[in-house]
C-alpha atoms as a PDB file:
ATOM      1  CA  UNK A   1      28.408  30.265  12.296  1.00  0.00           C
ATOM      2  CA  UNK A   2      28.530  27.421  10.016  1.00  0.00           C
ATOM      3  CA  UNK A   3      27.969  23.783   9.682  1.00  0.00           C
ATOM      4  CA  UNK A   4      30.455  21.729  11.331  1.00  0.00           C
ATOM      5  CA  UNK A   5      32.702  18.807   9.377  1.00  0.00           C
ATOM      6  CA  UNK A   6      31.397  15.598  10.971  1.00  0.00           C
ATOM      7  CA  UNK A   7      31.768  13.370   8.078  1.00  0.00           C
ATOM      8  CA  UNK A   8      33.128  10.694  10.511  1.00  0.00           C
ATOM      9  CA  UNK A   9      29.533   9.652  11.659  1.00  0.00           C
ATOM     10  CA  UNK A  10      27.673   8.447   8.514  1.00  0.00           C
ATOM     11  CA  UNK A  11      31.576   6.815   7.667  1.00  0.00           C
ATOM     12  CA  UNK A  12      32.025   4.949  10.997  1.00  0.00           C
ATOM     13  CA  UNK A  13      28.093   3.586  10.742  1.00  0.00           C
ATOM     14  CA  UNK A  14      28.397   2.427   7.649  1.00  0.00           C
ATOM     15  CA  UNK A  15      31.349   0.636   8.205  1.00  0.00           C
ATOM     16  CA  UNK A  16      29.424  -1.573  11.300  1.00  0.00           C
ATOM     17  CA  UNK A  17      28.244  -3.550   8.560  1.00  0.00           C
ATOM     18  CA  UNK A  18      24.841  -2.922  10.029  1.00  0.00           C
ATOM     19  CA  UNK A  19      22.983  -1.038   7.571  1.00  0.00           C
ATOM     20  CA  UNK A  20      22.720  -2.271   3.393  1.00  0.00           C
ATOM     21  CA  UNK A  21      22.138   1.353   1.745  1.00  0.00           C
ATOM     22  CA  UNK A  22      20.842  -0.693  -1.539  1.00  0.00           C
ATOM     23  CA  UNK A  23      17.052  -1.731   0.459  1.00  0.00           C
ATOM     24  CA  UNK A  24      14.773   0.756   1.946  1.00  0.00           C
ATOM     25  CA  UNK A  25      14.771  -0.270   5.425  1.00  0.00           C
ATOM     26  CA  UNK A  26      18.418  -0.394   5.016  1.00  0.00           C
ATOM     27  CA  UNK A  27      18.729   3.103   3.848  1.00  0.00           C
ATOM     28  CA  UNK A  28      16.057   4.311   6.239  1.00  0.00           C
ATOM     29  CA  UNK A  29      17.427   2.681   9.257  1.00  0.00           C
ATOM     30  CA  UNK A  30      21.123   4.590   8.523  1.00  0.00           C
ATOM     31  CA  UNK A  31      19.197   7.674   8.515  1.00  0.00           C
ATOM     32  CA  UNK A  32      17.819   7.380  11.650  1.00  0.00           C
ATOM     33  CA  UNK A  33      20.840   6.088  13.284  1.00  0.00           C
ATOM     34  CA  UNK A  34      23.009   9.164  11.863  1.00  0.00           C
ATOM     35  CA  UNK A  35      20.484  11.638  12.075  1.00  0.00           C
ATOM     36  CA  UNK A  36      19.993  10.656  16.248  1.00  0.00           C
ATOM     37  CA  UNK A  37      24.201   9.839  16.606  1.00  0.00           C
ATOM     38  CA  UNK A  38      24.695  13.715  14.688  1.00  0.00           C
ATOM     39  CA  UNK A  39      21.988  15.181  17.434  1.00  0.00           C
ATOM     40  CA  UNK A  40      23.869  13.259  20.289  1.00  0.00           C
ATOM     41  CA  UNK A  41      27.075  15.363  19.279  1.00  0.00           C
ATOM     42  CA  UNK A  42      25.359  18.551  18.611  1.00  0.00           C
ATOM     43  CA  UNK A  43      21.852  19.190  19.433  1.00  0.00           C
ATOM     44  CA  UNK A  44      21.787  21.614  16.200  1.00  0.00           C
ATOM     45  CA  UNK A  45      21.358  18.696  14.002  1.00  0.00           C
ATOM     46  CA  UNK A  46      17.965  17.559  13.087  1.00  0.00           C
ATOM     47  CA  UNK A  47      15.924  15.400  10.965  1.00  0.00           C
ATOM     48  CA  UNK A  48      14.543  17.338   7.383  1.00  0.00           C
ATOM     49  CA  UNK A  49      10.844  17.738   7.443  1.00  0.00           C
ATOM     50  CA  UNK A  50       9.321  16.374   4.344  1.00  0.00           C
ATOM     51  CA  UNK A  51       6.294  17.548   2.769  1.00  0.00           C
ATOM     52  CA  UNK A  52       3.199  14.540   1.501  1.00  0.00           C
ATOM     53  CA  UNK A  53       4.145  14.274  -2.510  1.00  0.00           C
ATOM     54  CA  UNK A  54       8.110  14.426  -1.621  1.00  0.00           C
ATOM     55  CA  UNK A  55      10.697  11.452  -1.522  1.00  0.00           C
ATOM     56  CA  UNK A  56      10.795  10.800   2.205  1.00  0.00           C
ATOM     57  CA  UNK A  57      11.621   8.172   5.044  1.00  0.00           C
ATOM     58  CA  UNK A  58       8.100   8.514   7.658  1.00  0.00           C
ATOM     59  CA  UNK A  59       8.050  12.416   6.601  1.00  0.00           C
ATOM     60  CA  UNK A  60      11.670  13.164   6.930  1.00  0.00           C
ATOM     61  CA  UNK A  61      14.807  13.227   4.494  1.00  0.00           C
ATOM     62  CA  UNK A  62      15.662  10.115   3.031  1.00  0.00           C
ATOM     63  CA  UNK A  63      19.521  10.274   3.142  1.00  0.00           C
ATOM     64  CA  UNK A  64      19.734  14.035   5.123  1.00  0.00           C
ATOM     65  CA  UNK A  65      20.055  15.991   8.162  1.00  0.00           C
ATOM     66  CA  UNK A  66      19.387  19.690   8.829  1.00  0.00           C
ATOM     67  CA  UNK A  67      21.744  22.115  10.866  1.00  0.00           C
ATOM     68  CA  UNK A  68      20.347  24.782  12.869  1.00  0.00           C
ATOM     69  CA  UNK A  69      22.556  27.992  11.970  1.00  0.00           C
ATOM     70  CA  UNK A  70      21.415  31.544  14.007  1.00  0.00           C
ATOM     71  CA  UNK A  71      19.026  34.112  12.485  1.00  0.00           C
ATOM     72  CA  UNK A  72      16.310  31.394  12.563  1.00  0.00           C
ATOM     73  CA  UNK A  73      18.544  29.767   9.132  1.00  0.00           C
ATOM     74  CA  UNK A  74      19.561  25.814   8.573  1.00  0.00           C
ATOM     75  CA  UNK A  75      20.687  24.620   6.026  1.00  0.00           C
ATOM     76  CA  UNK A  76      20.726  20.560   5.108  1.00  0.00           C
ATOM     77  CA  UNK A  77      23.526  18.102   4.742  1.00  0.00           C
ATOM     78  CA  UNK A  78      23.349  14.918   2.782  1.00  0.00           C
ATOM     79  CA  UNK A  79      25.216  12.061   3.778  1.00  0.00           C
ATOM     80  CA  UNK A  80      24.158   8.789   1.476  1.00  0.00           C
ATOM     81  CA  UNK A  81      25.857   9.546  -2.129  1.00  0.00           C
ATOM     82  CA  UNK A  82      24.208   7.836  -5.128  1.00  0.00           C
ATOM     83  CA  UNK A  83      21.179   6.969  -2.526  1.00  0.00           C
ATOM     84  CA  UNK A  84      18.597   5.027  -4.674  1.00  0.00           C
ATOM     85  CA  UNK A  85      21.508   3.715  -6.974  1.00  0.00           C
ATOM     86  CA  UNK A  86      23.672   0.594  -7.085  1.00  0.00           C
ATOM     87  CA  UNK A  87      26.588   1.328  -4.870  1.00  0.00           C
ATOM     88  CA  UNK A  88      25.202   3.920  -2.389  1.00  0.00           C
ATOM     89  CA  UNK A  89      28.034   5.000  -0.001  1.00  0.00           C
ATOM     90  CA  UNK A  90      28.405   7.302   3.114  1.00  0.00           C
ATOM     91  CA  UNK A  91      28.920  10.810   2.427  1.00  0.00           C
ATOM     92  CA  UNK A  92      29.198  14.602   3.573  1.00  0.00           C
ATOM     93  CA  UNK A  93      27.595  17.620   1.270  1.00  0.00           C
ATOM     94  CA  UNK A  94      26.218  20.645   2.519  1.00  0.00           C
ATOM     95  CA  UNK A  95      23.560  22.205   0.714  1.00  0.00           C
ATOM     96  CA  UNK A  96      23.416  25.648  -0.154  1.00  0.00           C
ATOM     97  CA  UNK A  97      20.047  26.109  -0.036  1.00  0.00           C
ATOM     98  CA  UNK A  98      18.666  28.191   3.417  1.00  0.00           C
ATOM     99  CA  UNK A  99      16.090  26.584   5.263  1.00  0.00           C
ATOM    100  CA  UNK A 100      14.242  27.768   8.230  1.00  0.00           C
ATOM    101  CA  UNK A 101      14.328  26.251  11.682  1.00  0.00           C
ATOM    102  CA  UNK A 102      10.663  25.207  11.167  1.00  0.00           C
ATOM    103  CA  UNK A 103      12.082  22.654   8.631  1.00  0.00           C
ATOM    104  CA  UNK A 104      13.655  20.691  11.646  1.00  0.00           C
ATOM    105  CA  UNK A 105      12.446  18.467  13.992  1.00  0.00           C
ATOM    106  CA  UNK A 106      13.492  16.150  16.523  1.00  0.00           C
ATOM    107  CA  UNK A 107      15.022  13.130  15.827  1.00  0.00           C
ATOM    108  CA  UNK A 108      13.557  11.786  18.913  1.00  0.00           C
ATOM    109  CA  UNK A 109      10.411  12.438  18.467  1.00  0.00           C
ATOM    110  CA  UNK A 110       9.109   9.624  15.282  1.00  0.00           C
ATOM    111  CA  UNK A 111       5.398  11.345  15.173  1.00  0.00           C
ATOM    112  CA  UNK A 112       6.221  13.074  12.128  1.00  0.00           C
ATOM    113  CA  UNK A 113       2.773  13.905  10.290  1.00  0.00           C
ATOM    114  CA  UNK A 114       0.925  11.684  12.029  1.00  0.00           C
ATOM    115  CA  UNK A 115      -0.835  11.381  15.537  1.00  0.00           C
ATOM    116  CA  UNK A 116       0.420   8.863  18.107  1.00  0.00           C
ATOM    117  CA  UNK A 117      -1.777   5.584  18.062  1.00  0.00           C
ATOM    118  CA  UNK A 118      -3.861   4.801  20.174  1.00  0.00           C
ATOM    119  CA  UNK A 119      -2.934   2.899  23.191  1.00  0.00           C
ATOM    120  CA  UNK A 120      -3.712  -0.683  23.287  1.00  0.00           C
ATOM    121  CA  UNK A 121      -6.786  -1.458  25.861  1.00  0.00           C
ATOM    122  CA  UNK A 122      -5.994  -3.205  28.519  1.00  0.00           C
ATOM    123  CA  UNK A 123      -6.912  -6.850  29.085  1.00  0.00           C
ATOM    124  CA  UNK A 124      -7.431  -9.223  31.821  1.00  0.00           C
ATOM    125  CA  UNK A 125      -4.468 -11.480  32.699  1.00  0.00           C
ATOM    126  CA  UNK A 126      -4.312 -14.997  32.404  1.00  0.00           C
ATOM    127  CA  UNK A 127      -4.902 -15.674  35.982  1.00  0.00           C
ATOM    128  CA  UNK A 128      -7.791 -13.064  36.009  1.00  0.00           C
ATOM    129  CA  UNK A 129      -9.138 -14.772  33.324  1.00  0.00           C
ATOM    130  CA  UNK A 130      -9.076 -17.292  35.414  1.00  0.00           C
ATOM    131  CA  UNK A 131      -5.968 -19.533  34.634  1.00  0.00           C
ATOM    132  CA  UNK A 132      -5.692 -23.108  33.554  1.00  0.00           C
ATOM    133  CA  UNK A 133      -8.885 -23.834  35.477  1.00  0.00           C
ATOM    134  CA  UNK A 134     -10.535 -21.812  33.304  1.00  0.00           C
ATOM    135  CA  UNK A 135      -9.920 -23.407  29.947  1.00  0.00           C
ATOM    136  CA  UNK A 136     -10.183 -26.919  31.270  1.00  0.00           C
ATOM    137  CA  UNK A 137     -13.778 -26.189  33.047  1.00  0.00           C
ATOM    138  CA  UNK A 138     -15.006 -23.911  30.066  1.00  0.00           C
ATOM    139  CA  UNK A 139     -13.665 -26.030  26.946  1.00  0.00           C
ATOM    140  CA  UNK A 140     -11.975 -29.142  27.877  1.00  0.00           C
ATOM    141  CA  UNK A 141     -14.689 -30.938  30.083  1.00  0.00           C
ATOM    142  CA  UNK A 142     -17.557 -30.000  27.597  1.00  0.00           C
ATOM    143  CA  UNK A 143     -15.888 -30.613  24.402  1.00  0.00           C
ATOM    144  CA  UNK A 144     -14.814 -34.097  25.862  1.00  0.00           C
ATOM    145  CA  UNK A 145     -18.014 -34.839  27.394  1.00  0.00           C
ATOM    146  CA  UNK A 146     -19.852 -33.864  23.847  1.00  0.00           C
ATOM    147  CA  UNK A 147     -17.477 -35.762  21.912  1.00  0.00           C
ATOM    148  CA  UNK A 148     -17.556 -39.064  24.025  1.00  0.00           C
ATOM    149  CA  UNK A 149     -21.548 -39.033  24.082  1.00  0.00           C
ATOM    150  CA  UNK A 150     -21.401 -39.726  20.608  1.00  0.00           C
ATOM    151  CA  UNK A 151     -18.446 -42.296  20.629  1.00  0.00           C
ATOM    152  CA  UNK A 152     -15.776 -39.883  19.637  1.00  0.00           C
ATOM    153  CA  UNK A 153     -12.566 -39.682  21.705  1.00  0.00           C
ATOM    154  CA  UNK A 154     -10.350 -36.041  21.773  1.00  0.00           C
ATOM    155  CA  UNK A 155      -8.083 -36.096  18.528  1.00  0.00           C
ATOM    156  CA  UNK A 156      -5.961 -33.496  16.704  1.00  0.00           C
ATOM    157  CA  UNK A 157      -8.903 -31.257  15.894  1.00  0.00           C
ATOM    158  CA  UNK A 158     -10.209 -30.563  18.987  1.00  0.00           C
ATOM    159  CA  UNK A 159      -7.593 -27.846  18.984  1.00  0.00           C
ATOM    160  CA  UNK A 160      -9.513 -26.181  16.879  1.00  0.00           C
ATOM    161  CA  UNK A 161     -12.132 -25.373  18.929  1.00  0.00           C
ATOM    162  CA  UNK A 162      -9.336 -24.301  21.826  1.00  0.00           C
ATOM    163  CA  UNK A 163      -8.094 -21.875  19.374  1.00  0.00           C
ATOM    164  CA  UNK A 164     -11.285 -20.712  18.369  1.00  0.00           C
ATOM    165  CA  UNK A 165     -12.641 -19.579  21.573  1.00  0.00           C
ATOM    166  CA  UNK A 166      -9.227 -18.211  22.117  1.00  0.00           C
ATOM    167  CA  UNK A 167      -8.897 -15.990  19.590  1.00  0.00           C
ATOM    168  CA  UNK A 168     -12.833 -14.855  19.591  1.00  0.00           C
ATOM    169  CA  UNK A 169     -12.211 -13.990  23.514  1.00  0.00           C
ATOM    170  CA  UNK A 170      -8.995 -12.244  22.569  1.00  0.00           C
ATOM    171  CA  UNK A 171     -10.924 -10.122  19.700  1.00  0.00           C
ATOM    172  CA  UNK A 172     -13.882  -9.422  21.818  1.00  0.00           C
ATOM    173  CA  UNK A 173     -11.526  -7.660  24.946  1.00  0.00           C
ATOM    174  CA  UNK A 174      -9.684  -6.070  22.856  1.00  0.00           C
ATOM    175  CA  UNK A 175     -12.678  -4.398  21.075  1.00  0.00           C
ATOM    176  CA  UNK A 176     -14.640  -3.854  24.484  1.00  0.00           C
ATOM    177  CA  UNK A 177     -12.621  -0.561  24.980  1.00  0.00           C
ATOM    178  CA  UNK A 178     -12.754  -1.606  28.943  1.00  0.00           C
ATOM    179  CA  UNK A 179     -16.190  -2.707  29.479  1.00  0.00           C
ATOM    180  CA  UNK A 180     -17.443  -5.896  30.475  1.00  0.00           C
ATOM    181  CA  UNK A 181     -17.367  -8.635  27.996  1.00  0.00           C
ATOM    182  CA  UNK A 182     -19.865 -11.765  27.891  1.00  0.00           C
ATOM    183  CA  UNK A 183     -17.203 -14.546  28.219  1.00  0.00           C
ATOM    184  CA  UNK A 184     -19.623 -16.792  29.115  1.00  0.00           C
ATOM    185  CA  UNK A 185     -21.601 -16.100  26.164  1.00  0.00           C
ATOM    186  CA  UNK A 186     -18.977 -16.439  23.906  1.00  0.00           C
ATOM    187  CA  UNK A 187     -17.514 -19.846  24.966  1.00  0.00           C
ATOM    188  CA  UNK A 188     -20.777 -21.290  24.511  1.00  0.00           C
ATOM    189  CA  UNK A 189     -21.576 -19.553  20.707  1.00  0.00           C
ATOM    190  CA  UNK A 190     -18.022 -21.820  20.180  1.00  0.00           C
ATOM    191  CA  UNK A 191     -19.386 -25.179  21.585  1.00  0.00           C
ATOM    192  CA  UNK A 192     -22.620 -24.936  19.929  1.00  0.00           C
ATOM    193  CA  UNK A 193     -20.707 -24.894  16.801  1.00  0.00           C
ATOM    194  CA  UNK A 194     -18.558 -28.180  17.545  1.00  0.00           C
ATOM    195  CA  UNK A 195     -22.039 -29.420  19.264  1.00  0.00           C
ATOM    196  CA  UNK A 196     -23.838 -29.145  15.474  1.00  0.00           C
ATOM    197  CA  UNK A 197     -20.866 -30.712  13.747  1.00  0.00           C
ATOM    198  CA  UNK A 198     -21.302 -33.637  16.097  1.00  0.00           C
ATOM    199  CA  UNK A 199     -25.277 -33.394  15.725  1.00  0.00           C
ATOM    200  CA  UNK A 200     -26.181 -32.767  19.265  1.00  0.00           C
ATOM    201  CA  UNK A 201     -28.933 -29.551  20.108  1.00  0.00           C
ATOM    202  CA  UNK A 202     -27.199 -26.344  21.012  1.00  0.00           C
ATOM    203  CA  UNK A 203     -27.277 -25.845  25.054  1.00  0.00           C
END
């Protein structure tokens, strides 16, 4: 058994014009696309693992694929000629070095050399937070009342207080890890900031 010649795969993907092999991101996207396509045609094609310190694209070969052979052997194929140069092109060069199956990685698994990121904590929906009525009652009404009490109408700077309150609420909800958040306390702290600027005492 030997590595089959699937040189048409990188060639056809390159001919789409979607990949700029002269850029790092373009080459990385091309490599992922080629290995994924090859694996779809023959499950023995896998990513070639790379160790820290070796040239790689997210811990796998930046211009190559590995093919699993019998007896725990494997061979790599370089499919980008002149990678890193001024005019890289698709190619198909089977290497002589023998690897083992342990040097291969499933192209559908993008967690090479790392752990999966922690899931984002759940935050209340806009409706669960109180919908438009929440922001009107908690920010709009007191902000307008405080500004009018010192003879100032709402202006373009008023948007800062809505944005600042929303940002702090989202930051607190994301950091809470599902625990209760003192929403009223956060809104009150921002209100006291604008009241201080207006020359009003804290509430």
